Structure formats: structure tokens, C-alpha cells
Amino acid sequence: MTWPFYQNDSTIPPLNNRFIRQHFNILGTVISQITLISLLIITNFLFNDHGRQILHAYYAHTPNHALGEPLWLTRVICVALLVFMMVFLINRQSLDNDHS
């Protein structure tokens, strides 16, 4: 009995699009956090020979002056990744518009 009402409901496709967009936003957030944490651990390991120091500083909330260079390098890498992705997406969009 509910199926005819469901079929005639015109609000479902926009809601479905919103849920799909929200799903990809959540995935993007998770991927960005994983990337950031892995970059922090890798750069800290390169400068300080162990990767858990930065996690300890994060969990224990104790300032550590040896983390200045790893944090700076992580920021630079994140900005470079953002610029690379922006250029990649702009090029992809322009190619898609040329083929249309």
C-alpha cells in the first residue's frame, strides 16, 4: 500500500543526491585525516627516528620542541598535495568540457 505513495513522491531523488554527496564528503574527510596522520608519522620518523613521538605529544598534550620541522614539512606536503589535486581536477574538468 505504501509503494504507490513512494513512487509518486517527488522529493526522493533530491534527497538521494544529498545522501550520496554527504557520503562522499565523509569519505573525503576520513581520507584527508588518514593522509595527515600518516604524513605526520612519516616526517616525524625521518627527523626524529621514531614515529610515535608525535602521537604521544598529541595524546598527552605535552609540548615538544623537536616536532617543529616535522610539522612544518607536513604542512608543506599537505599544501603541495592540495595544489596538485586542484590542478588535476581543473585539468580534468577542462578536458571533460572540451569533449562535450
PDB file of N, CA and C in Angstrom:
ATOM      1  N   MET A   1       0.810  -1.198   0.000  1.00  0.00           N
ATOM      2  CA  MET A   1       0.000   0.000   0.000  1.00  0.00           C
ATOM      3  C   MET A   1       0.860   1.272   0.000  1.00  0.00           C
ATOM      4  N   THR A   2       2.043   1.189   0.544  1.00  0.00           N
ATOM      5  CA  THR A   2       2.888   2.382   0.596  1.00  0.00           C
ATOM      6  C   THR A   2       3.634   2.606  -0.713  1.00  0.00           C
ATOM      7  N   TRP A   3       3.789   1.562  -1.498  1.00  0.00           N
ATOM      8  CA  TRP A   3       4.581   1.685  -2.711  1.00  0.00           C
ATOM      9  C   TRP A   3       4.052   2.747  -3.678  1.00  0.00           C
ATOM     10  N   PRO A   4       2.763   2.884  -3.920  1.00  0.00           N
ATOM     11  CA  PRO A   4       2.300   3.955  -4.820  1.00  0.00           C
ATOM     12  C   PRO A   4       2.650   5.348  -4.303  1.00  0.00           C
ATOM     13  N   PHE A   5       2.568   5.554  -3.004  1.00  0.00           N
ATOM     14  CA  PHE A   5       2.944   6.855  -2.441  1.00  0.00           C
ATOM     15  C   PHE A   5       4.450   7.100  -2.600  1.00  0.00           C
ATOM     16  N   TYR A   6       5.215   6.035  -2.414  1.00  0.00           N
ATOM     17  CA  TYR A   6       6.664   6.139  -2.572  1.00  0.00           C
ATOM     18  C   TYR A   6       7.027   6.461  -4.024  1.00  0.00           C
ATOM     19  N   GLN A   7       6.334   5.813  -4.965  1.00  0.00           N
ATOM     20  CA  GLN A   7       6.604   6.062  -6.380  1.00  0.00           C
ATOM     21  C   GLN A   7       6.243   7.486  -6.787  1.00  0.00           C
ATOM     22  N   ASN A   8       5.215   8.051  -6.212  1.00  0.00           N
ATOM     23  CA  ASN A   8       4.756   9.384  -6.590  1.00  0.00           C
ATOM     24  C   ASN A   8       5.431  10.509  -5.811  1.00  0.00           C
ATOM     25  N   ASP A   9       6.270  10.162  -4.863  1.00  0.00           N
ATOM     26  CA  ASP A   9       6.935  11.185  -4.062  1.00  0.00           C
ATOM     27  C   ASP A   9       8.067  11.814  -4.874  1.00  0.00           C
ATOM     28  N   SER A  10       7.974  13.083  -5.154  1.00  0.00           N
ATOM     29  CA  SER A  10       8.978  13.759  -5.986  1.00  0.00           C
ATOM     30  C   SER A  10      10.173  14.266  -5.175  1.00  0.00           C
ATOM     31  N   THR A  11      10.138  14.160  -3.861  1.00  0.00           N
ATOM     32  CA  THR A  11      11.252  14.657  -3.038  1.00  0.00           C
ATOM     33  C   THR A  11      12.360  13.624  -2.857  1.00  0.00           C
ATOM     34  N   ILE A  12      12.146  12.387  -3.263  1.00  0.00           N
ATOM     35  CA  ILE A  12      13.139  11.335  -3.017  1.00  0.00           C
ATOM     36  C   ILE A  12      14.408  11.516  -3.850  1.00  0.00           C
ATOM     37  N   PRO A  13      14.358  11.785  -5.166  1.00  0.00           N
ATOM     38  CA  PRO A  13      15.628  11.949  -5.901  1.00  0.00           C
ATOM     39  C   PRO A  13      16.534  13.058  -5.354  1.00  0.00           C
ATOM     40  N   PRO A  14      16.012  14.264  -5.017  1.00  0.00           N
ATOM     41  CA  PRO A  14      16.935  15.250  -4.428  1.00  0.00           C
ATOM     42  C   PRO A  14      17.522  14.804  -3.093  1.00  0.00           C
ATOM     43  N   LEU A  15      16.718  14.110  -2.280  1.00  0.00           N
ATOM     44  CA  LEU A  15      17.238  13.618  -1.004  1.00  0.00           C
ATOM     45  C   LEU A  15      18.308  12.567  -1.236  1.00  0.00           C
ATOM     46  N   ASN A  16      18.107  11.693  -2.224  1.00  0.00           N
ATOM     47  CA  ASN A  16      19.093  10.671  -2.541  1.00  0.00           C
ATOM     48  C   ASN A  16      20.409  11.314  -2.985  1.00  0.00           C
ATOM     49  N   ASN A  17      20.321  12.360  -3.814  1.00  0.00           N
ATOM     50  CA  ASN A  17      21.534  13.065  -4.228  1.00  0.00           C
ATOM     51  C   ASN A  17      22.249  13.683  -3.036  1.00  0.00           C
ATOM     52  N   ARG A  18      21.494  14.219  -2.101  1.00  0.00           N
ATOM     53  CA  ARG A  18      22.100  14.813  -0.907  1.00  0.00           C
ATOM     54  C   ARG A  18      22.806  13.755  -0.069  1.00  0.00           C
ATOM     55  N   PHE A  19      22.208  12.558   0.061  1.00  0.00           N
ATOM     56  CA  PHE A  19      22.832  11.486   0.823  1.00  0.00           C
ATOM     57  C   PHE A  19      24.101  10.995   0.143  1.00  0.00           C
ATOM     58  N   ILE A  20      24.099  10.914  -1.181  1.00  0.00           N
ATOM     59  CA  ILE A  20      25.296  10.495  -1.911  1.00  0.00           C
ATOM     60  C   ILE A  20      26.399  11.524  -1.732  1.00  0.00           C
ATOM     61  N   ARG A  21      26.068  12.814  -1.845  1.00  0.00           N
ATOM     62  CA  ARG A  21      27.053  13.878  -1.660  1.00  0.00           C
ATOM     63  C   ARG A  21      27.620  13.844  -0.236  1.00  0.00           C
ATOM     64  N   GLN A  22      26.751  13.621   0.748  1.00  0.00           N
ATOM     65  CA  GLN A  22      27.204  13.550   2.136  1.00  0.00           C
ATOM     66  C   GLN A  22      28.126  12.357   2.345  1.00  0.00           C
ATOM     67  N   HIS A  23      27.815  11.239   1.707  1.00  0.00           N
ATOM     68  CA  HIS A  23      28.647  10.041   1.810  1.00  0.00           C
ATOM     69  C   HIS A  23      30.050  10.324   1.281  1.00  0.00           C
ATOM     70  N   PHE A  24      30.157  10.982   0.123  1.00  0.00           N
ATOM     71  CA  PHE A  24      31.471  11.294  -0.430  1.00  0.00           C
ATOM     72  C   PHE A  24      32.193  12.356   0.388  1.00  0.00           C
ATOM     73  N   ASN A  25      31.466  13.285   0.990  1.00  0.00           N
ATOM     74  CA  ASN A  25      32.108  14.264   1.882  1.00  0.00           C
ATOM     75  C   ASN A  25      32.717  13.575   3.089  1.00  0.00           C
ATOM     76  N   ILE A  26      32.014  12.603   3.643  1.00  0.00           N
ATOM     77  CA  ILE A  26      32.526  11.854   4.795  1.00  0.00           C
ATOM     78  C   ILE A  26      33.757  11.049   4.392  1.00  0.00           C
ATOM     79  N   LEU A  27      33.705  10.394   3.225  1.00  0.00           N
ATOM     80  CA  LEU A  27      34.869   9.640   2.754  1.00  0.00           C
ATOM     81  C   LEU A  27      36.074  10.553   2.536  1.00  0.00           C
ATOM     82  N   GLY A  28      35.839  11.735   1.980  1.00  0.00           N
ATOM     83  CA  GLY A  28      36.927  12.690   1.778  1.00  0.00           C
ATOM     84  C   GLY A  28      37.540  13.136   3.088  1.00  0.00           C
ATOM     85  N   THR A  29      36.706  13.332   4.095  1.00  0.00           N
ATOM     86  CA  THR A  29      37.201  13.734   5.410  1.00  0.00           C
ATOM     87  C   THR A  29      38.051  12.634   6.035  1.00  0.00           C
ATOM     88  N   VAL A  30      37.582  11.405   5.941  1.00  0.00           N
ATOM     89  CA  VAL A  30      38.339  10.283   6.506  1.00  0.00           C
ATOM     90  C   VAL A  30      39.671  10.129   5.785  1.00  0.00           C
ATOM     91  N   ILE A  31      39.658  10.215   4.455  1.00  0.00           N
ATOM     92  CA  ILE A  31      40.900  10.074   3.683  1.00  0.00           C
ATOM     93  C   ILE A  31      41.874  11.199   4.020  1.00  0.00           C
ATOM     94  N   SER A  32      41.370  12.414   4.167  1.00  0.00           N
ATOM     95  CA  SER A  32      42.275  13.527   4.486  1.00  0.00           C
ATOM     96  C   SER A  32      42.893  13.362   5.873  1.00  0.00           C
ATOM     97  N   GLN A  33      42.133  12.870   6.837  1.00  0.00           N
ATOM     98  CA  GLN A  33      42.687  12.658   8.175  1.00  0.00           C
ATOM     99  C   GLN A  33      43.723  11.540   8.180  1.00  0.00           C
ATOM    100  N   ILE A  34      43.450  10.466   7.446  1.00  0.00           N
ATOM    101  CA  ILE A  34      44.419   9.363   7.355  1.00  0.00           C
ATOM    102  C   ILE A  34      45.701   9.852   6.698  1.00  0.00           C
ATOM    103  N   THR A  35      45.564  10.655   5.631  1.00  0.00           N
ATOM    104  CA  THR A  35      46.739  11.202   4.954  1.00  0.00           C
ATOM    105  C   THR A  35      47.531  12.102   5.882  1.00  0.00           C
ATOM    106  N   LEU A  36      46.848  12.972   6.601  1.00  0.00           N
ATOM    107  CA  LEU A  36      47.535  13.890   7.508  1.00  0.00           C
ATOM    108  C   LEU A  36      48.272  13.147   8.609  1.00  0.00           C
ATOM    109  N   ILE A  37      47.624  12.188   9.238  1.00  0.00           N
ATOM    110  CA  ILE A  37      48.263  11.449  10.331  1.00  0.00           C
ATOM    111  C   ILE A  37      49.446  10.636   9.814  1.00  0.00           C
ATOM    112  N   SER A  38      49.284  10.006   8.651  1.00  0.00           N
ATOM    113  CA  SER A  38      50.406   9.224   8.117  1.00  0.00           C
ATOM    114  C   SER A  38      51.574  10.129   7.737  1.00  0.00           C
ATOM    115  N   LEU A  39      51.297  11.311   7.165  1.00  0.00           N
ATOM    116  CA  LEU A  39      52.378  12.249   6.866  1.00  0.00           C
ATOM    117  C   LEU A  39      53.076  12.720   8.137  1.00  0.00           C
ATOM    118  N   LEU A  40      52.313  12.985   9.188  1.00  0.00           N
ATOM    119  CA  LEU A  40      52.920  13.392  10.453  1.00  0.00           C
ATOM    120  C   LEU A  40      53.840  12.315  11.008  1.00  0.00           C
ATOM    121  N   ILE A  41      53.391  11.076  10.956  1.00  0.00           N
ATOM    122  CA  ILE A  41      54.202   9.976  11.486  1.00  0.00           C
ATOM    123  C   ILE A  41      55.450   9.776  10.637  1.00  0.00           C
ATOM    124  N   ILE A  42      55.289   9.835   9.299  1.00  0.00           N
ATOM    125  CA  ILE A  42      56.445   9.627   8.413  1.00  0.00           C
ATOM    126  C   ILE A  42      57.471  10.744   8.580  1.00  0.00           C
ATOM    127  N   THR A  43      57.030  12.002   8.563  1.00  0.00           N
ATOM    128  CA  THR A  43      58.000  13.090   8.692  1.00  0.00           C
ATOM    129  C   THR A  43      58.651  13.107  10.069  1.00  0.00           C
ATOM    130  N   ASN A  44      57.901  12.757  11.104  1.00  0.00           N
ATOM    131  CA  ASN A  44      58.499  12.682  12.436  1.00  0.00           C
ATOM    132  C   ASN A  44      59.533  11.555  12.491  1.00  0.00           C
ATOM    133  N   PHE A  45      59.250  10.434  11.843  1.00  0.00           N
ATOM    134  CA  PHE A  45      60.213   9.333  11.817  1.00  0.00           C
ATOM    135  C   PHE A  45      61.476   9.747  11.068  1.00  0.00           C
ATOM    136  N   LEU A  46      61.330  10.507   9.979  1.00  0.00           N
ATOM    137  CA  LEU A  46      62.502  10.941   9.209  1.00  0.00           C
ATOM    138  C   LEU A  46      63.388  11.892  10.011  1.00  0.00           C
ATOM    139  N   PHE A  47      62.788  12.779  10.826  1.00  0.00           N
ATOM    140  CA  PHE A  47      63.570  13.755  11.573  1.00  0.00           C
ATOM    141  C   PHE A  47      64.009  13.249  12.940  1.00  0.00           C
ATOM    142  N   ASN A  48      63.169  12.463  13.595  1.00  0.00           N
ATOM    143  CA  ASN A  48      63.438  12.103  14.992  1.00  0.00           C
ATOM    144  C   ASN A  48      63.616  10.605  15.223  1.00  0.00           C
ATOM    145  N   ASP A  49      63.693   9.823  14.172  1.00  0.00           N
ATOM    146  CA  ASP A  49      63.967   8.383  14.222  1.00  0.00           C
ATOM    147  C   ASP A  49      62.910   7.531  14.918  1.00  0.00           C
ATOM    148  N   HIS A  50      61.777   8.084  15.240  1.00  0.00           N
ATOM    149  CA  HIS A  50      60.660   7.258  15.713  1.00  0.00           C
ATOM    150  C   HIS A  50      59.354   8.002  15.450  1.00  0.00           C
ATOM    151  N   GLY A  51      58.329   7.251  15.103  1.00  0.00           N
ATOM    152  CA  GLY A  51      57.077   7.864  14.686  1.00  0.00           C
ATOM    153  C   GLY A  51      56.059   8.073  15.776  1.00  0.00           C
ATOM    154  N   ARG A  52      56.301   7.492  16.947  1.00  0.00           N
ATOM    155  CA  ARG A  52      55.287   7.606  17.997  1.00  0.00           C
ATOM    156  C   ARG A  52      55.414   8.856  18.839  1.00  0.00           C
ATOM    157  N   GLN A  53      56.462   9.614  18.661  1.00  0.00           N
ATOM    158  CA  GLN A  53      56.662  10.820  19.451  1.00  0.00           C
ATOM    159  C   GLN A  53      55.535  11.823  19.206  1.00  0.00           C
ATOM    160  N   ILE A  54      55.129  11.956  17.975  1.00  0.00           N
ATOM    161  CA  ILE A  54      54.083  12.929  17.662  1.00  0.00           C
ATOM    162  C   ILE A  54      52.732  12.473  18.201  1.00  0.00           C
ATOM    163  N   LEU A  55      52.485  11.167  18.177  1.00  0.00           N
ATOM    164  CA  LEU A  55      51.232  10.665  18.746  1.00  0.00           C
ATOM    165  C   LEU A  55      51.215  10.861  20.263  1.00  0.00           C
ATOM    166  N   HIS A  56      52.362  10.654  20.900  1.00  0.00           N
ATOM    167  CA  HIS A  56      52.441  10.882  22.342  1.00  0.00           C
ATOM    168  C   HIS A  56      52.196  12.353  22.672  1.00  0.00           C
ATOM    169  N   ALA A  57      52.771  13.245  21.887  1.00  0.00           N
ATOM    170  CA  ALA A  57      52.534  14.677  22.113  1.00  0.00           C
ATOM    171  C   ALA A  57      51.073  15.020  21.899  1.00  0.00           C
ATOM    172  N   TYR A  58      50.428  14.346  20.948  1.00  0.00           N
ATOM    173  CA  TYR A  58      49.009  14.611  20.690  1.00  0.00           C
ATOM    174  C   TYR A  58      48.138  14.106  21.839  1.00  0.00           C
ATOM    175  N   TYR A  59      48.378  12.880  22.290  1.00  0.00           N
ATOM    176  CA  TYR A  59      47.530  12.305  23.336  1.00  0.00           C
ATOM    177  C   TYR A  59      47.829  12.880  24.715  1.00  0.00           C
ATOM    178  N   ALA A  60      49.091  13.118  25.016  1.00  0.00           N
ATOM    179  CA  ALA A  60      49.463  13.599  26.343  1.00  0.00           C
ATOM    180  C   ALA A  60      49.371  15.118  26.457  1.00  0.00           C
ATOM    181  N   HIS A  61      49.199  15.810  25.326  1.00  0.00           N
ATOM    182  CA  HIS A  61      49.096  17.275  25.304  1.00  0.00           C
ATOM    183  C   HIS A  61      50.318  17.941  25.928  1.00  0.00           C
ATOM    184  N   THR A  62      51.478  17.348  25.675  1.00  0.00           N
ATOM    185  CA  THR A  62      52.708  17.955  26.172  1.00  0.00           C
ATOM    186  C   THR A  62      53.456  18.581  24.995  1.00  0.00           C
ATOM    187  N   PRO A  63      53.883  19.819  25.131  1.00  0.00           N
ATOM    188  CA  PRO A  63      54.613  20.447  24.021  1.00  0.00           C
ATOM    189  C   PRO A  63      55.973  19.796  23.835  1.00  0.00           C
ATOM    190  N   ASN A  64      56.354  19.647  22.598  1.00  0.00           N
ATOM    191  CA  ASN A  64      57.637  19.034  22.282  1.00  0.00           C
ATOM    192  C   ASN A  64      58.286  19.890  21.205  1.00  0.00           C
ATOM    193  N   HIS A  65      59.434  20.444  21.507  1.00  0.00           N
ATOM    194  CA  HIS A  65      60.082  21.370  20.582  1.00  0.00           C
ATOM    195  C   HIS A  65      60.778  20.655  19.433  1.00  0.00           C
ATOM    196  N   ALA A  66      60.956  19.348  19.526  1.00  0.00           N
ATOM    197  CA  ALA A  66      61.604  18.605  18.452  1.00  0.00           C
ATOM    198  C   ALA A  66      60.655  18.353  17.279  1.00  0.00           C
ATOM    199  N   LEU A  67      59.401  18.755  17.419  1.00  0.00           N
ATOM    200  CA  LEU A  67      58.418  18.484  16.367  1.00  0.00           C
ATOM    201  C   LEU A  67      58.258  19.644  15.394  1.00  0.00           C
ATOM    202  N   GLY A  68      59.039  20.710  15.547  1.00  0.00           N
ATOM    203  CA  GLY A  68      58.880  21.882  14.688  1.00  0.00           C
ATOM    204  C   GLY A  68      59.093  21.577  13.220  1.00  0.00           C
ATOM    205  N   GLU A  69      60.211  20.915  12.889  1.00  0.00           N
ATOM    206  CA  GLU A  69      60.500  20.616  11.490  1.00  0.00           C
ATOM    207  C   GLU A  69      59.537  19.594  10.896  1.00  0.00           C
ATOM    208  N   PRO A  70      59.194  18.494  11.587  1.00  0.00           N
ATOM    209  CA  PRO A  70      58.210  17.573  11.018  1.00  0.00           C
ATOM    210  C   PRO A  70      56.852  18.232  10.758  1.00  0.00           C
ATOM    211  N   LEU A  71      56.416  19.097  11.675  1.00  0.00           N
ATOM    212  CA  LEU A  71      55.131  19.766  11.463  1.00  0.00           C
ATOM    213  C   LEU A  71      55.201  20.731  10.295  1.00  0.00           C
ATOM    214  N   TRP A  72      56.311  21.444  10.145  1.00  0.00           N
ATOM    215  CA  TRP A  72      56.477  22.367   9.035  1.00  0.00           C
ATOM    216  C   TRP A  72      56.498  21.621   7.709  1.00  0.00           C
ATOM    217  N   LEU A  73      57.249  20.516   7.653  1.00  0.00           N
ATOM    218  CA  LEU A  73      57.327  19.723   6.431  1.00  0.00           C
ATOM    219  C   LEU A  73      55.967  19.106   6.093  1.00  0.00           C
ATOM    220  N   THR A  74      55.227  18.680   7.106  1.00  0.00           N
ATOM    221  CA  THR A  74      53.896  18.124   6.869  1.00  0.00           C
ATOM    222  C   THR A  74      52.975  19.179   6.281  1.00  0.00           C
ATOM    223  N   ARG A  75      53.048  20.404   6.776  1.00  0.00           N
ATOM    224  CA  ARG A  75      52.237  21.477   6.202  1.00  0.00           C
ATOM    225  C   ARG A  75      52.581  21.714   4.744  1.00  0.00           C
ATOM    226  N   VAL A  76      53.872  21.735   4.439  1.00  0.00           N
ATOM    227  CA  VAL A  76      54.311  21.958   3.057  1.00  0.00           C
ATOM    228  C   VAL A  76      53.809  20.837   2.150  1.00  0.00           C
ATOM    229  N   ILE A  77      53.930  19.596   2.605  1.00  0.00           N
ATOM    230  CA  ILE A  77      53.465  18.462   1.797  1.00  0.00           C
ATOM    231  C   ILE A  77      51.950  18.530   1.594  1.00  0.00           C
ATOM    232  N   CYS A  78      51.195  18.870   2.644  1.00  0.00           N
ATOM    233  CA  CYS A  78      49.735  18.974   2.521  1.00  0.00           C
ATOM    234  C   CYS A  78      49.341  20.075   1.545  1.00  0.00           C
ATOM    235  N   VAL A  79      50.006  21.208   1.605  1.00  0.00           N
ATOM    236  CA  VAL A  79      49.710  22.288   0.655  1.00  0.00           C
ATOM    237  C   VAL A  79      50.059  21.852  -0.760  1.00  0.00           C
ATOM    238  N   ALA A  80      51.188  21.155  -0.930  1.00  0.00           N
ATOM    239  CA  ALA A  80      51.567  20.672  -2.255  1.00  0.00           C
ATOM    240  C   ALA A  80      50.555  19.666  -2.782  1.00  0.00           C
ATOM    241  N   LEU A  81      50.075  18.770  -1.915  1.00  0.00           N
ATOM    242  CA  LEU A  81      49.048  17.808  -2.335  1.00  0.00           C
ATOM    243  C   LEU A  81      47.755  18.514  -2.735  1.00  0.00           C
ATOM    244  N   LEU A  82      47.361  19.531  -1.967  1.00  0.00           N
ATOM    245  CA  LEU A  82      46.152  20.275  -2.309  1.00  0.00           C
ATOM    246  C   LEU A  82      46.293  20.988  -3.647  1.00  0.00           C
ATOM    247  N   VAL A  83      47.448  21.600  -3.889  1.00  0.00           N
ATOM    248  CA  VAL A  83      47.676  22.287  -5.169  1.00  0.00           C
ATOM    249  C   VAL A  83      47.680  21.277  -6.307  1.00  0.00           C
ATOM    250  N   PHE A  84      48.338  20.131  -6.113  1.00  0.00           N
ATOM    251  CA  PHE A  84      48.360  19.100  -7.142  1.00  0.00           C
ATOM    252  C   PHE A  84      46.951  18.611  -7.467  1.00  0.00           C
ATOM    253  N   MET A  85      46.154  18.338  -6.435  1.00  0.00           N
ATOM    254  CA  MET A  85      44.787  17.862  -6.669  1.00  0.00           C
ATOM    255  C   MET A  85      43.940  18.935  -7.346  1.00  0.00           C
ATOM    256  N   MET A  86      44.142  20.194  -6.983  1.00  0.00           N
ATOM    257  CA  MET A  86      43.392  21.282  -7.608  1.00  0.00           C
ATOM    258  C   MET A  86      43.732  21.362  -9.095  1.00  0.00           C
ATOM    259  N   VAL A  87      45.022  21.320  -9.431  1.00  0.00           N
ATOM    260  CA  VAL A  87      45.434  21.370 -10.837  1.00  0.00           C
ATOM    261  C   VAL A  87      44.906  20.155 -11.585  1.00  0.00           C
ATOM    262  N   PHE A  88      44.983  18.985 -10.976  1.00  0.00           N
ATOM    263  CA  PHE A  88      44.483  17.765 -11.605  1.00  0.00           C
ATOM    264  C   PHE A  88      42.991  17.865 -11.887  1.00  0.00           C
ATOM    265  N   LEU A  89      42.228  18.320 -10.909  1.00  0.00           N
ATOM    266  CA  LEU A  89      40.775  18.409 -11.101  1.00  0.00           C
ATOM    267  C   LEU A  89      40.390  19.490 -12.106  1.00  0.00           C
ATOM    268  N   ILE A  90      41.106  20.608 -12.116  1.00  0.00           N
ATOM    269  CA  ILE A  90      40.823  21.665 -13.100  1.00  0.00           C
ATOM    270  C   ILE A  90      41.133  21.164 -14.509  1.00  0.00           C
ATOM    271  N   ASN A  91      42.266  20.468 -14.674  1.00  0.00           N
ATOM    272  CA  ASN A  91      42.601  19.911 -15.987  1.00  0.00           C
ATOM    273  C   ASN A  91      41.581  18.875 -16.427  1.00  0.00           C
ATOM    274  N   ARG A  92      41.158  18.046 -15.501  1.00  0.00           N
ATOM    275  CA  ARG A  92      40.159  17.015 -15.830  1.00  0.00           C
ATOM    276  C   ARG A  92      38.836  17.654 -16.221  1.00  0.00           C
ATOM    277  N   GLN A  93      38.437  18.682 -15.507  1.00  0.00           N
ATOM    278  CA  GLN A  93      37.188  19.360 -15.832  1.00  0.00           C
ATOM    279  C   GLN A  93      37.282  20.051 -17.185  1.00  0.00           C
ATOM    280  N   SER A  94      38.413  20.679 -17.485  1.00  0.00           N
ATOM    281  CA  SER A  94      38.557  21.336 -18.784  1.00  0.00           C
ATOM    282  C   SER A  94      38.582  20.320 -19.918  1.00  0.00           C
ATOM    283  N   LEU A  95      39.176  19.140 -19.695  1.00  0.00           N
ATOM    284  CA  LEU A  95      39.151  18.090 -20.710  1.00  0.00           C
ATOM    285  C   LEU A  95      37.738  17.564 -20.927  1.00  0.00           C
ATOM    286  N   ASP A  96      36.979  17.420 -19.836  1.00  0.00           N
ATOM    287  CA  ASP A  96      35.600  16.965 -19.961  1.00  0.00           C
ATOM    288  C   ASP A  96      34.752  17.988 -20.718  1.00  0.00           C
ATOM    289  N   ASN A  97      35.000  19.269 -20.487  1.00  0.00           N
ATOM    290  CA  ASN A  97      34.248  20.312 -21.191  1.00  0.00           C
ATOM    291  C   ASN A  97      34.632  20.363 -22.670  1.00  0.00           C
ATOM    292  N   ASP A  98      35.882  20.069 -23.002  1.00  0.00           N
ATOM    293  CA  ASP A  98      36.320  20.064 -24.406  1.00  0.00           C
ATOM    294  C   ASP A  98      35.694  18.918 -25.185  1.00  0.00           C
ATOM    295  N   HIS A  99      35.487  17.775 -24.508  1.00  0.00           N
ATOM    296  CA  HIS A  99      34.903  16.622 -25.185  1.00  0.00           C
ATOM    297  C   HIS A  99      33.387  16.719 -25.306  1.00  0.00           C
ATOM    298  N   SER A 100      32.780  17.617 -24.570  1.00  0.00           N
ATOM    299  CA  SER A 100      31.306  17.732 -24.615  1.00  0.00           C
ATOM    300  C   SER A 100      30.832  18.498 -25.821  1.00  0.00           C
TER     301      SER A 100
END
